[in-house]
């Protein structure tokens, strides 16, 4: 069976991250993808990407589920998935997950992922953070979620916004333990006078 992943896009800025995650999982990893987009996520996609953003995503996923369809396949623990990634993840969605307030399909699917001990990666997009945000992050982490704010890795010396988005998406996918052809995030270290054996793999060109 193909690797089966649920991708959620909620109403926070950086909607391009969700699109890039789906592109990589679909075209590179060949995953079976199930998509859930909140109303806020739809609005952000239209504003940041354009009016055809959802149509673009529909061509890449196996199924896009309505946000209010709490009886969908991904709402059940008997529907085997390999993980969920919410990119980006709004504070509203984070808080609902942290409090098990499963009143829509995305929260329900995330809650099921936690109870079934499956991977749940949340790209929480907010700054600065107040104590309520931090407590919600701590609670979700205690339940088993992985909190991964989309912070660029400047040590990789990105040359464009597209490279930053791509690096963040690939790093998030790595947290799902999914192998892709070009992870793009592996730090090989800075040379400081040591020797490198011929047995060590060389970093690939970026």
N, C-alpha and C. Protein backbone atom coordinates (compact mmCIF):
# COMPACT_ATOMS: atom_id res chain seq x y z
N UNK A 1 0.83 -1.19 0.00
CA UNK A 1 0.00 0.00 0.00
C UNK A 1 0.87 1.24 0.00
N UNK A 2 0.45 2.26 -0.73
CA UNK A 2 1.17 3.52 -0.74
C UNK A 2 1.19 4.14 0.66
N UNK A 3 2.22 4.92 0.91
CA UNK A 3 2.23 5.72 2.14
C UNK A 3 1.06 6.68 2.09
N UNK A 4 0.27 6.70 3.15
CA UNK A 4 -0.96 7.48 3.17
C UNK A 4 -0.81 8.61 4.20
N UNK A 5 -0.91 9.84 3.72
CA UNK A 5 -0.71 11.01 4.57
C UNK A 5 -1.92 11.94 4.48
N UNK A 6 -2.29 12.50 5.62
CA UNK A 6 -3.31 13.54 5.67
C UNK A 6 -2.60 14.88 5.79
N UNK A 7 -2.96 15.82 4.94
CA UNK A 7 -2.41 17.17 5.01
C UNK A 7 -3.54 18.14 5.35
N UNK A 8 -3.31 18.96 6.37
CA UNK A 8 -4.27 19.99 6.73
C UNK A 8 -3.68 21.37 6.44
N UNK A 9 -4.51 22.25 5.94
CA UNK A 9 -4.11 23.65 5.74
C UNK A 9 -5.11 24.50 6.50
N UNK A 10 -4.62 25.21 7.50
CA UNK A 10 -5.52 26.04 8.31
C UNK A 10 -5.22 27.52 8.07
N UNK A 11 -5.98 28.36 8.74
CA UNK A 11 -5.98 29.79 8.41
C UNK A 11 -4.85 30.58 9.01
N UNK A 12 -3.64 30.29 8.62
CA UNK A 12 -2.47 31.07 9.04
C UNK A 12 -1.67 31.42 7.80
N UNK A 13 -0.88 32.47 7.90
CA UNK A 13 -0.04 32.85 6.77
C UNK A 13 0.98 31.74 6.47
N UNK A 14 1.57 31.82 5.27
CA UNK A 14 2.50 30.81 4.75
C UNK A 14 1.76 29.64 4.11
N UNK A 15 0.66 29.93 3.44
CA UNK A 15 -0.11 28.88 2.75
C UNK A 15 0.74 28.14 1.72
N UNK A 16 1.77 28.81 1.20
CA UNK A 16 2.65 28.16 0.23
C UNK A 16 3.31 26.92 0.80
N UNK A 17 3.49 26.86 2.12
CA UNK A 17 4.08 25.68 2.73
C UNK A 17 3.21 24.45 2.51
N UNK A 18 1.89 24.61 2.69
CA UNK A 18 0.99 23.49 2.48
C UNK A 18 1.04 22.99 1.05
N UNK A 19 1.07 23.93 0.12
CA UNK A 19 1.14 23.55 -1.29
C UNK A 19 2.43 22.80 -1.59
N UNK A 20 3.55 23.32 -1.09
CA UNK A 20 4.83 22.67 -1.38
C UNK A 20 4.92 21.29 -0.73
N UNK A 21 4.40 21.15 0.49
CA UNK A 21 4.36 19.84 1.14
C UNK A 21 3.60 18.84 0.27
N UNK A 22 2.46 19.26 -0.24
CA UNK A 22 1.65 18.37 -1.07
C UNK A 22 2.36 18.04 -2.37
N UNK A 23 2.99 19.03 -2.98
CA UNK A 23 3.72 18.77 -4.23
C UNK A 23 4.81 17.72 -4.02
N UNK A 24 5.57 17.87 -2.96
CA UNK A 24 6.68 16.93 -2.70
C UNK A 24 6.15 15.54 -2.37
N UNK A 25 5.15 15.46 -1.50
CA UNK A 25 4.61 14.16 -1.11
C UNK A 25 3.95 13.45 -2.28
N UNK A 26 3.34 14.20 -3.18
CA UNK A 26 2.66 13.61 -4.33
C UNK A 26 3.63 13.24 -5.44
N UNK A 27 4.47 14.20 -5.84
CA UNK A 27 5.30 14.02 -7.02
C UNK A 27 6.61 13.30 -6.73
N UNK A 28 7.15 13.50 -5.54
CA UNK A 28 8.45 12.91 -5.19
C UNK A 28 8.26 11.59 -4.44
N UNK A 29 7.48 11.64 -3.38
CA UNK A 29 7.31 10.44 -2.53
C UNK A 29 6.21 9.52 -3.03
N UNK A 30 5.33 10.00 -3.92
CA UNK A 30 4.27 9.16 -4.45
C UNK A 30 3.26 8.72 -3.42
N UNK A 31 2.96 9.58 -2.46
CA UNK A 31 2.04 9.24 -1.38
C UNK A 31 0.59 9.35 -1.82
N UNK A 32 -0.25 8.61 -1.13
CA UNK A 32 -1.70 8.81 -1.24
C UNK A 32 -2.07 9.92 -0.27
N UNK A 33 -2.58 11.02 -0.78
CA UNK A 33 -2.80 12.21 0.04
C UNK A 33 -4.28 12.50 0.23
N UNK A 34 -4.61 12.82 1.48
CA UNK A 34 -5.95 13.26 1.83
C UNK A 34 -5.82 14.67 2.40
N UNK A 35 -6.61 15.59 1.87
CA UNK A 35 -6.48 17.01 2.20
C UNK A 35 -7.71 17.52 2.91
N UNK A 36 -7.47 18.32 3.96
CA UNK A 36 -8.54 19.04 4.65
C UNK A 36 -8.11 20.50 4.76
N UNK A 37 -8.98 21.40 4.32
CA UNK A 37 -8.67 22.84 4.37
C UNK A 37 -9.77 23.53 5.18
N UNK A 38 -9.37 24.29 6.19
CA UNK A 38 -10.34 25.04 6.97
C UNK A 38 -10.83 26.24 6.18
N UNK A 39 -11.97 26.86 6.58
CA UNK A 39 -12.42 28.07 5.90
C UNK A 39 -11.36 29.18 5.91
N UNK A 40 -10.67 29.33 7.04
CA UNK A 40 -9.58 30.30 7.10
C UNK A 40 -8.44 29.94 6.16
N UNK A 41 -8.18 28.64 6.03
CA UNK A 41 -7.15 28.19 5.11
C UNK A 41 -7.50 28.49 3.66
N UNK A 42 -8.78 28.31 3.31
CA UNK A 42 -9.23 28.63 1.95
C UNK A 42 -9.04 30.12 1.67
N UNK A 43 -9.38 30.94 2.63
CA UNK A 43 -9.25 32.39 2.44
C UNK A 43 -7.78 32.78 2.27
N UNK A 44 -6.91 32.20 3.08
CA UNK A 44 -5.49 32.52 2.98
C UNK A 44 -4.90 32.04 1.66
N UNK A 45 -5.31 30.86 1.21
CA UNK A 45 -4.85 30.36 -0.09
C UNK A 45 -5.23 31.32 -1.21
N UNK A 46 -6.46 31.80 -1.18
CA UNK A 46 -6.89 32.73 -2.22
C UNK A 46 -6.09 34.02 -2.17
N UNK A 47 -5.83 34.51 -0.95
CA UNK A 47 -5.13 35.79 -0.79
C UNK A 47 -3.65 35.68 -1.13
N UNK A 48 -2.99 34.63 -0.65
CA UNK A 48 -1.53 34.52 -0.80
C UNK A 48 -1.10 33.83 -2.08
N UNK A 49 -1.92 32.92 -2.59
CA UNK A 49 -1.54 32.13 -3.76
C UNK A 49 -2.34 32.53 -4.99
N UNK A 50 -3.65 32.63 -4.84
CA UNK A 50 -4.49 33.00 -5.96
C UNK A 50 -5.79 32.21 -5.98
N UNK A 51 -6.74 32.61 -6.82
CA UNK A 51 -8.06 31.98 -6.82
C UNK A 51 -8.06 30.53 -7.28
N UNK A 52 -7.01 30.09 -7.96
CA UNK A 52 -6.96 28.72 -8.47
C UNK A 52 -6.17 27.78 -7.56
N UNK A 53 -5.82 28.23 -6.36
CA UNK A 53 -4.96 27.42 -5.49
C UNK A 53 -5.60 26.08 -5.13
N UNK A 54 -6.86 26.07 -4.78
CA UNK A 54 -7.52 24.82 -4.41
C UNK A 54 -7.62 23.87 -5.59
N UNK A 55 -7.89 24.41 -6.78
CA UNK A 55 -7.93 23.56 -7.97
C UNK A 55 -6.56 22.92 -8.21
N UNK A 56 -5.50 23.67 -7.96
CA UNK A 56 -4.14 23.15 -8.10
C UNK A 56 -3.92 21.99 -7.14
N UNK A 57 -4.39 22.13 -5.91
CA UNK A 57 -4.22 21.08 -4.91
C UNK A 57 -5.06 19.86 -5.23
N UNK A 58 -6.28 20.08 -5.73
CA UNK A 58 -7.16 18.96 -6.03
C UNK A 58 -6.56 18.01 -7.07
N UNK A 59 -5.71 18.53 -7.93
CA UNK A 59 -5.08 17.70 -8.95
C UNK A 59 -3.96 16.83 -8.39
N UNK A 60 -3.52 17.14 -7.17
CA UNK A 60 -2.38 16.43 -6.59
C UNK A 60 -2.77 15.43 -5.50
N UNK A 61 -3.98 15.55 -4.97
CA UNK A 61 -4.37 14.71 -3.84
C UNK A 61 -5.35 13.63 -4.28
N UNK A 62 -5.44 12.59 -3.46
CA UNK A 62 -6.41 11.53 -3.70
C UNK A 62 -7.82 12.03 -3.43
N UNK A 63 -7.98 12.79 -2.35
CA UNK A 63 -9.31 13.29 -2.00
C UNK A 63 -9.18 14.51 -1.10
N UNK A 64 -9.99 15.53 -1.38
CA UNK A 64 -10.13 16.66 -0.47
C UNK A 64 -11.45 16.51 0.27
N UNK A 65 -11.36 16.45 1.59
CA UNK A 65 -12.53 16.20 2.42
C UNK A 65 -13.11 17.53 2.92
N UNK A 66 -14.43 17.68 2.91
CA UNK A 66 -15.05 18.87 3.50
C UNK A 66 -14.73 18.97 4.98
N UNK A 67 -14.50 20.18 5.44
CA UNK A 67 -14.07 20.40 6.82
C UNK A 67 -15.12 19.95 7.83
N UNK A 68 -16.40 19.96 7.42
CA UNK A 68 -17.46 19.60 8.37
C UNK A 68 -17.88 18.14 8.27
N UNK A 69 -17.18 17.34 7.46
CA UNK A 69 -17.53 15.94 7.28
C UNK A 69 -16.82 15.08 8.33
N UNK A 70 -17.34 15.12 9.55
CA UNK A 70 -16.69 14.40 10.65
C UNK A 70 -16.89 12.89 10.55
N UNK A 71 -17.67 12.45 9.55
CA UNK A 71 -17.82 11.02 9.31
C UNK A 71 -16.95 10.51 8.18
N UNK A 72 -16.00 11.33 7.72
CA UNK A 72 -15.12 10.93 6.62
C UNK A 72 -14.18 9.81 7.06
N UNK A 73 -13.58 9.16 6.08
CA UNK A 73 -12.69 8.02 6.37
C UNK A 73 -11.58 8.40 7.33
N UNK A 74 -10.98 9.58 7.17
CA UNK A 74 -9.82 9.96 7.99
C UNK A 74 -10.20 10.30 9.43
N UNK A 75 -11.51 10.28 9.73
CA UNK A 75 -11.96 10.54 11.10
C UNK A 75 -11.94 9.28 11.96
N UNK A 76 -11.61 8.15 11.35
CA UNK A 76 -11.63 6.88 12.07
C UNK A 76 -10.24 6.32 12.25
N UNK A 77 -9.99 5.77 13.42
CA UNK A 77 -8.71 5.13 13.68
C UNK A 77 -8.51 3.86 12.88
N UNK A 78 -9.60 3.26 12.38
CA UNK A 78 -9.47 2.05 11.58
C UNK A 78 -8.99 2.34 10.16
N UNK A 79 -9.01 3.61 9.76
CA UNK A 79 -8.48 4.01 8.46
C UNK A 79 -7.00 4.27 8.65
N UNK A 80 -6.18 3.36 8.13
CA UNK A 80 -4.75 3.40 8.40
C UNK A 80 -4.08 4.55 7.64
N UNK A 81 -3.42 5.42 8.37
CA UNK A 81 -2.60 6.46 7.77
C UNK A 81 -1.20 6.39 8.38
N UNK A 82 -0.26 7.05 7.71
CA UNK A 82 1.12 7.04 8.18
C UNK A 82 1.50 8.34 8.88
N UNK A 83 0.59 9.30 8.90
CA UNK A 83 0.86 10.54 9.60
C UNK A 83 0.00 11.68 9.09
N UNK A 84 0.03 12.76 9.86
CA UNK A 84 -0.69 13.99 9.50
C UNK A 84 0.28 15.15 9.63
N UNK A 85 0.19 16.06 8.69
CA UNK A 85 0.96 17.30 8.78
C UNK A 85 0.01 18.46 8.54
N UNK A 86 0.03 19.43 9.43
CA UNK A 86 -0.79 20.64 9.28
C UNK A 86 0.14 21.79 8.96
N UNK A 87 0.03 22.28 7.72
CA UNK A 87 0.98 23.28 7.22
C UNK A 87 0.25 24.32 6.37
N UNK A 88 0.13 25.53 6.89
CA UNK A 88 0.51 25.98 8.23
C UNK A 88 -0.58 25.63 9.25
N UNK A 89 -0.21 25.72 10.51
CA UNK A 89 -1.13 25.43 11.60
C UNK A 89 -1.42 26.72 12.37
N UNK A 90 -2.66 27.13 12.36
CA UNK A 90 -3.05 28.35 13.09
C UNK A 90 -3.09 28.07 14.59
N UNK A 91 -3.05 29.12 15.37
CA UNK A 91 -3.19 28.97 16.83
C UNK A 91 -4.55 28.40 17.19
N UNK A 92 -5.58 28.78 16.43
CA UNK A 92 -6.91 28.21 16.67
C UNK A 92 -6.90 26.69 16.52
N UNK A 93 -6.27 26.21 15.44
CA UNK A 93 -6.20 24.76 15.22
C UNK A 93 -5.32 24.09 16.27
N UNK A 94 -4.19 24.70 16.59
CA UNK A 94 -3.33 24.15 17.65
C UNK A 94 -4.09 24.01 18.96
N UNK A 95 -4.78 25.06 19.35
CA UNK A 95 -5.49 25.06 20.64
C UNK A 95 -6.59 24.01 20.65
N UNK A 96 -7.30 23.87 19.53
CA UNK A 96 -8.36 22.85 19.46
C UNK A 96 -7.76 21.45 19.59
N UNK A 97 -6.62 21.21 18.94
CA UNK A 97 -5.96 19.91 19.06
C UNK A 97 -5.50 19.67 20.50
N UNK A 98 -4.95 20.71 21.12
CA UNK A 98 -4.42 20.59 22.48
C UNK A 98 -5.52 20.34 23.51
N UNK A 99 -6.76 20.71 23.18
CA UNK A 99 -7.87 20.54 24.12
C UNK A 99 -8.86 19.48 23.65
N UNK A 100 -8.52 18.75 22.59
CA UNK A 100 -9.38 17.69 22.03
C UNK A 100 -10.76 18.21 21.65
N UNK A 101 -10.82 19.46 21.20
CA UNK A 101 -12.09 20.07 20.79
C UNK A 101 -12.37 19.71 19.34
N UNK A 102 -12.72 18.44 19.10
CA UNK A 102 -12.81 17.90 17.75
C UNK A 102 -14.14 18.24 17.09
N UNK A 103 -14.34 19.52 16.78
CA UNK A 103 -15.60 19.95 16.19
C UNK A 103 -15.53 20.12 14.68
N UNK A 104 -14.41 19.78 14.07
CA UNK A 104 -14.35 19.71 12.60
C UNK A 104 -13.44 18.56 12.21
N UNK A 105 -13.40 18.26 10.93
CA UNK A 105 -12.70 17.06 10.48
C UNK A 105 -11.19 17.13 10.72
N UNK A 106 -10.60 18.30 10.54
CA UNK A 106 -9.15 18.40 10.73
C UNK A 106 -8.78 18.11 12.19
N UNK A 107 -9.51 18.69 13.12
CA UNK A 107 -9.21 18.45 14.54
C UNK A 107 -9.50 17.00 14.90
N UNK A 108 -10.58 16.47 14.37
CA UNK A 108 -10.92 15.07 14.64
C UNK A 108 -9.84 14.13 14.12
N UNK A 109 -9.37 14.37 12.89
CA UNK A 109 -8.32 13.51 12.32
C UNK A 109 -7.04 13.61 13.13
N UNK A 110 -6.70 14.82 13.57
CA UNK A 110 -5.50 15.00 14.39
C UNK A 110 -5.66 14.29 15.73
N UNK A 111 -6.83 14.38 16.32
CA UNK A 111 -7.08 13.73 17.59
C UNK A 111 -6.97 12.22 17.47
N UNK A 112 -7.50 11.68 16.37
CA UNK A 112 -7.40 10.25 16.12
C UNK A 112 -5.94 9.84 15.94
N UNK A 113 -5.18 10.66 15.23
CA UNK A 113 -3.75 10.37 15.03
C UNK A 113 -3.03 10.26 16.37
N UNK A 114 -3.35 11.15 17.30
CA UNK A 114 -2.71 11.12 18.61
C UNK A 114 -3.12 9.87 19.39
N UNK A 115 -4.40 9.54 19.37
CA UNK A 115 -4.84 8.38 20.16
C UNK A 115 -4.33 7.07 19.58
N UNK A 116 -4.08 7.05 18.26
CA UNK A 116 -3.55 5.86 17.62
C UNK A 116 -2.02 5.83 17.61
N UNK A 117 -1.42 6.85 18.23
CA UNK A 117 0.05 6.96 18.34
C UNK A 117 0.71 7.05 16.96
N UNK A 118 0.10 7.86 16.09
CA UNK A 118 0.68 8.13 14.78
C UNK A 118 1.28 9.52 14.78
N UNK A 119 2.13 9.79 13.80
CA UNK A 119 2.84 11.07 13.77
C UNK A 119 1.91 12.21 13.39
N UNK A 120 2.05 13.28 14.14
CA UNK A 120 1.28 14.51 13.88
C UNK A 120 2.26 15.67 13.95
N UNK A 121 2.47 16.34 12.82
CA UNK A 121 3.42 17.44 12.74
C UNK A 121 2.64 18.73 12.52
N UNK A 122 2.86 19.71 13.40
CA UNK A 122 2.14 20.97 13.35
C UNK A 122 3.10 22.11 13.07
N UNK A 123 2.98 22.74 11.91
CA UNK A 123 3.81 23.89 11.57
C UNK A 123 3.11 25.15 12.07
N UNK A 124 3.28 25.38 13.36
CA UNK A 124 2.57 26.47 14.03
C UNK A 124 3.14 27.81 13.59
N UNK A 125 2.27 28.64 13.06
CA UNK A 125 2.70 29.93 12.52
C UNK A 125 2.11 31.06 13.38
N UNK A 126 2.89 31.59 14.26
CA UNK A 126 2.52 32.77 15.04
C UNK A 126 3.75 33.33 15.71
N UNK A 127 3.83 34.63 15.81
CA UNK A 127 4.90 35.29 16.53
C UNK A 127 4.54 36.76 16.74
N UNK A 128 4.85 37.31 17.90
CA UNK A 128 5.40 36.64 19.08
C UNK A 128 4.36 35.76 19.74
N UNK A 129 4.78 35.03 20.76
CA UNK A 129 3.92 34.07 21.43
C UNK A 129 3.61 34.53 22.85
N UNK A 130 2.34 34.43 23.22
CA UNK A 130 2.03 34.69 24.64
C UNK A 130 1.91 33.36 25.37
N UNK A 131 1.68 33.41 26.66
CA UNK A 131 1.74 32.21 27.49
C UNK A 131 0.69 31.18 27.07
N UNK A 132 -0.48 31.65 26.62
CA UNK A 132 -1.51 30.71 26.17
C UNK A 132 -1.05 29.90 24.98
N UNK A 133 -0.36 30.56 24.04
CA UNK A 133 0.19 29.84 22.89
C UNK A 133 1.19 28.78 23.34
N UNK A 134 2.09 29.18 24.22
CA UNK A 134 3.13 28.27 24.69
C UNK A 134 2.54 27.08 25.44
N UNK A 135 1.51 27.34 26.23
CA UNK A 135 0.88 26.24 26.97
C UNK A 135 0.17 25.28 26.02
N UNK A 136 -0.44 25.81 24.97
CA UNK A 136 -1.09 24.94 23.99
C UNK A 136 -0.05 24.08 23.27
N UNK A 137 1.10 24.68 22.95
CA UNK A 137 2.18 23.91 22.33
C UNK A 137 2.68 22.82 23.27
N UNK A 138 2.83 23.16 24.54
CA UNK A 138 3.31 22.18 25.51
C UNK A 138 2.31 21.03 25.66
N UNK A 139 1.02 21.38 25.70
CA UNK A 139 0.00 20.34 25.86
C UNK A 139 -0.02 19.41 24.65
N UNK A 140 0.02 19.98 23.44
CA UNK A 140 0.01 19.15 22.24
C UNK A 140 1.25 18.26 22.20
N UNK A 141 2.38 18.79 22.63
CA UNK A 141 3.62 18.00 22.67
C UNK A 141 3.49 16.84 23.66
N UNK A 142 2.92 17.11 24.82
CA UNK A 142 2.73 16.06 25.82
C UNK A 142 1.84 14.94 25.30
N UNK A 143 0.90 15.27 24.42
CA UNK A 143 0.01 14.25 23.85
C UNK A 143 0.67 13.47 22.71
N UNK A 144 1.80 13.97 22.21
CA UNK A 144 2.52 13.25 21.17
C UNK A 144 2.74 13.99 19.87
N UNK A 145 2.21 15.21 19.74
CA UNK A 145 2.40 15.99 18.52
C UNK A 145 3.84 16.51 18.44
N UNK A 146 4.26 16.81 17.23
CA UNK A 146 5.56 17.45 16.99
C UNK A 146 5.29 18.89 16.56
N UNK A 147 5.74 19.83 17.37
CA UNK A 147 5.56 21.26 17.05
C UNK A 147 6.77 21.72 16.25
N UNK A 148 6.53 22.19 15.04
CA UNK A 148 7.63 22.57 14.15
C UNK A 148 7.35 23.94 13.52
N UNK A 149 7.58 25.02 14.25
CA UNK A 149 7.38 26.35 13.66
C UNK A 149 8.22 26.51 12.40
N UNK A 150 7.66 27.11 11.35
CA UNK A 150 8.39 27.24 10.08
C UNK A 150 9.46 28.34 10.14
N UNK A 151 10.59 27.99 10.75
CA UNK A 151 11.71 28.92 10.92
C UNK A 151 12.78 28.58 9.89
N UNK A 152 13.15 29.51 9.02
CA UNK A 152 14.13 29.20 7.97
C UNK A 152 15.50 28.84 8.54
N UNK A 153 16.18 27.95 7.85
CA UNK A 153 17.55 27.56 8.22
C UNK A 153 18.51 28.38 7.35
N UNK A 154 18.94 29.52 7.85
CA UNK A 154 19.78 30.40 7.04
C UNK A 154 21.19 29.85 6.84
N UNK A 155 21.58 28.86 7.66
CA UNK A 155 22.89 28.26 7.46
C UNK A 155 22.96 27.49 6.14
N UNK A 156 21.79 27.18 5.55
CA UNK A 156 21.77 26.55 4.23
C UNK A 156 21.88 27.57 3.10
N UNK A 157 21.93 28.84 3.47
CA UNK A 157 22.14 29.95 2.55
C UNK A 157 21.15 29.96 1.40
N UNK A 158 19.85 30.04 1.72
CA UNK A 158 18.85 30.07 0.66
C UNK A 158 19.00 31.32 -0.20
N UNK A 159 18.70 31.16 -1.48
CA UNK A 159 18.88 32.25 -2.43
C UNK A 159 17.57 32.90 -2.86
N UNK A 160 16.44 32.37 -2.38
CA UNK A 160 15.14 32.93 -2.76
C UNK A 160 14.09 32.48 -1.75
N UNK A 161 12.94 33.13 -1.81
CA UNK A 161 11.81 32.73 -0.96
C UNK A 161 11.39 31.30 -1.32
N UNK A 162 11.41 30.97 -2.60
CA UNK A 162 11.03 29.62 -3.02
C UNK A 162 11.93 28.57 -2.38
N UNK A 163 13.23 28.86 -2.28
CA UNK A 163 14.15 27.92 -1.65
C UNK A 163 13.84 27.78 -0.16
N UNK A 164 13.47 28.87 0.49
CA UNK A 164 13.10 28.81 1.91
C UNK A 164 11.87 27.94 2.09
N UNK A 165 10.84 28.16 1.27
CA UNK A 165 9.61 27.38 1.35
C UNK A 165 9.91 25.89 1.12
N UNK A 166 10.73 25.61 0.11
CA UNK A 166 11.07 24.23 -0.21
C UNK A 166 11.81 23.56 0.95
N UNK A 167 12.76 24.28 1.54
CA UNK A 167 13.53 23.72 2.66
C UNK A 167 12.63 23.44 3.86
N UNK A 168 11.73 24.36 4.16
CA UNK A 168 10.83 24.17 5.29
C UNK A 168 9.90 22.99 5.06
N UNK A 169 9.40 22.87 3.84
CA UNK A 169 8.50 21.76 3.52
C UNK A 169 9.22 20.42 3.63
N UNK A 170 10.45 20.35 3.13
CA UNK A 170 11.20 19.10 3.18
C UNK A 170 11.59 18.73 4.61
N UNK A 171 11.89 19.74 5.41
CA UNK A 171 12.22 19.46 6.81
C UNK A 171 11.00 18.92 7.55
N UNK A 172 9.83 19.48 7.25
CA UNK A 172 8.61 19.00 7.89
C UNK A 172 8.30 17.57 7.47
N UNK A 173 8.48 17.26 6.19
CA UNK A 173 8.23 15.91 5.70
C UNK A 173 9.19 14.92 6.36
N UNK A 174 10.43 15.34 6.59
CA UNK A 174 11.39 14.47 7.27
C UNK A 174 10.90 14.08 8.66
N UNK A 175 10.16 14.97 9.31
CA UNK A 175 9.63 14.67 10.64
C UNK A 175 8.56 13.57 10.61
N UNK A 176 8.00 13.34 9.42
CA UNK A 176 7.05 12.24 9.25
C UNK A 176 7.78 10.93 8.97
N UNK A 177 9.10 10.99 8.87
CA UNK A 177 9.93 9.83 8.58
C UNK A 177 9.60 9.24 7.20
N UNK A 178 9.40 10.15 6.25
CA UNK A 178 9.14 9.74 4.87
C UNK A 178 10.38 10.05 4.05
N UNK A 179 10.84 9.07 3.30
CA UNK A 179 12.04 9.26 2.49
C UNK A 179 11.67 9.91 1.16
N UNK A 180 12.38 10.97 0.83
CA UNK A 180 12.21 11.64 -0.45
C UNK A 180 13.57 11.72 -1.13
N UNK A 181 13.56 11.95 -2.43
CA UNK A 181 14.80 11.83 -3.19
C UNK A 181 15.80 12.92 -2.85
N UNK A 182 15.31 14.09 -2.45
CA UNK A 182 16.23 15.19 -2.13
C UNK A 182 15.79 15.84 -0.83
N UNK A 183 16.23 15.30 0.32
CA UNK A 183 15.80 15.88 1.60
C UNK A 183 16.13 17.36 1.71
N UNK A 184 17.32 17.76 1.28
CA UNK A 184 17.65 19.18 1.19
C UNK A 184 17.90 19.89 2.50
N UNK A 185 17.90 19.15 3.60
CA UNK A 185 18.04 19.82 4.89
C UNK A 185 19.18 19.26 5.72
N UNK A 186 19.97 18.35 5.17
CA UNK A 186 20.98 17.69 5.98
C UNK A 186 22.23 18.56 6.10
N UNK A 187 22.57 18.89 7.32
CA UNK A 187 23.76 19.71 7.59
C UNK A 187 24.98 18.82 7.62
N UNK A 188 25.96 19.13 6.79
CA UNK A 188 27.16 18.30 6.68
C UNK A 188 28.31 18.83 7.54
N UNK A 189 28.12 19.96 8.21
CA UNK A 189 29.15 20.49 9.09
C UNK A 189 30.11 21.43 8.37
N UNK A 190 30.79 22.24 9.15
CA UNK A 190 31.81 23.14 8.63
C UNK A 190 33.19 22.54 8.86
N UNK A 191 34.02 22.57 7.85
CA UNK A 191 35.36 22.02 8.00
C UNK A 191 36.18 22.88 8.95
N UNK A 192 36.85 22.22 9.91
CA UNK A 192 37.66 22.96 10.88
C UNK A 192 38.99 22.25 11.09
N UNK A 193 39.59 21.83 9.98
CA UNK A 193 40.92 21.23 10.07
C UNK A 193 40.94 19.74 10.23
N UNK A 194 39.76 19.07 10.31
CA UNK A 194 39.77 17.62 10.45
C UNK A 194 39.96 16.94 9.11
N UNK A 195 39.97 15.62 9.14
CA UNK A 195 40.10 14.84 7.91
C UNK A 195 38.79 14.12 7.64
N UNK A 196 38.48 13.92 6.34
CA UNK A 196 37.27 13.24 5.94
C UNK A 196 37.65 11.97 5.21
N UNK A 197 37.16 10.85 5.69
CA UNK A 197 37.45 9.57 5.07
C UNK A 197 36.73 9.46 3.73
N UNK A 198 37.30 8.68 2.83
CA UNK A 198 36.65 8.43 1.54
C UNK A 198 35.38 7.61 1.71
N UNK A 199 35.20 7.02 2.90
CA UNK A 199 34.00 6.24 3.15
C UNK A 199 32.79 7.11 3.45
N UNK A 200 33.03 8.39 3.79
CA UNK A 200 31.93 9.29 4.11
C UNK A 200 31.26 9.77 2.82
N UNK A 201 29.92 9.79 2.79
CA UNK A 201 29.24 10.33 1.61
C UNK A 201 29.48 11.83 1.52
N UNK A 202 29.61 12.31 0.30
CA UNK A 202 29.80 13.74 0.09
C UNK A 202 28.44 14.42 -0.03
N UNK A 203 28.32 15.66 0.45
CA UNK A 203 27.04 16.36 0.31
C UNK A 203 26.74 16.59 -1.16
N UNK A 204 25.45 16.48 -1.51
CA UNK A 204 25.04 16.71 -2.89
C UNK A 204 24.98 18.20 -3.16
N UNK A 205 25.12 18.56 -4.43
CA UNK A 205 25.05 19.96 -4.81
C UNK A 205 23.63 20.46 -4.62
N UNK A 206 23.49 21.67 -4.12
CA UNK A 206 22.20 22.27 -3.94
C UNK A 206 21.84 23.04 -5.20
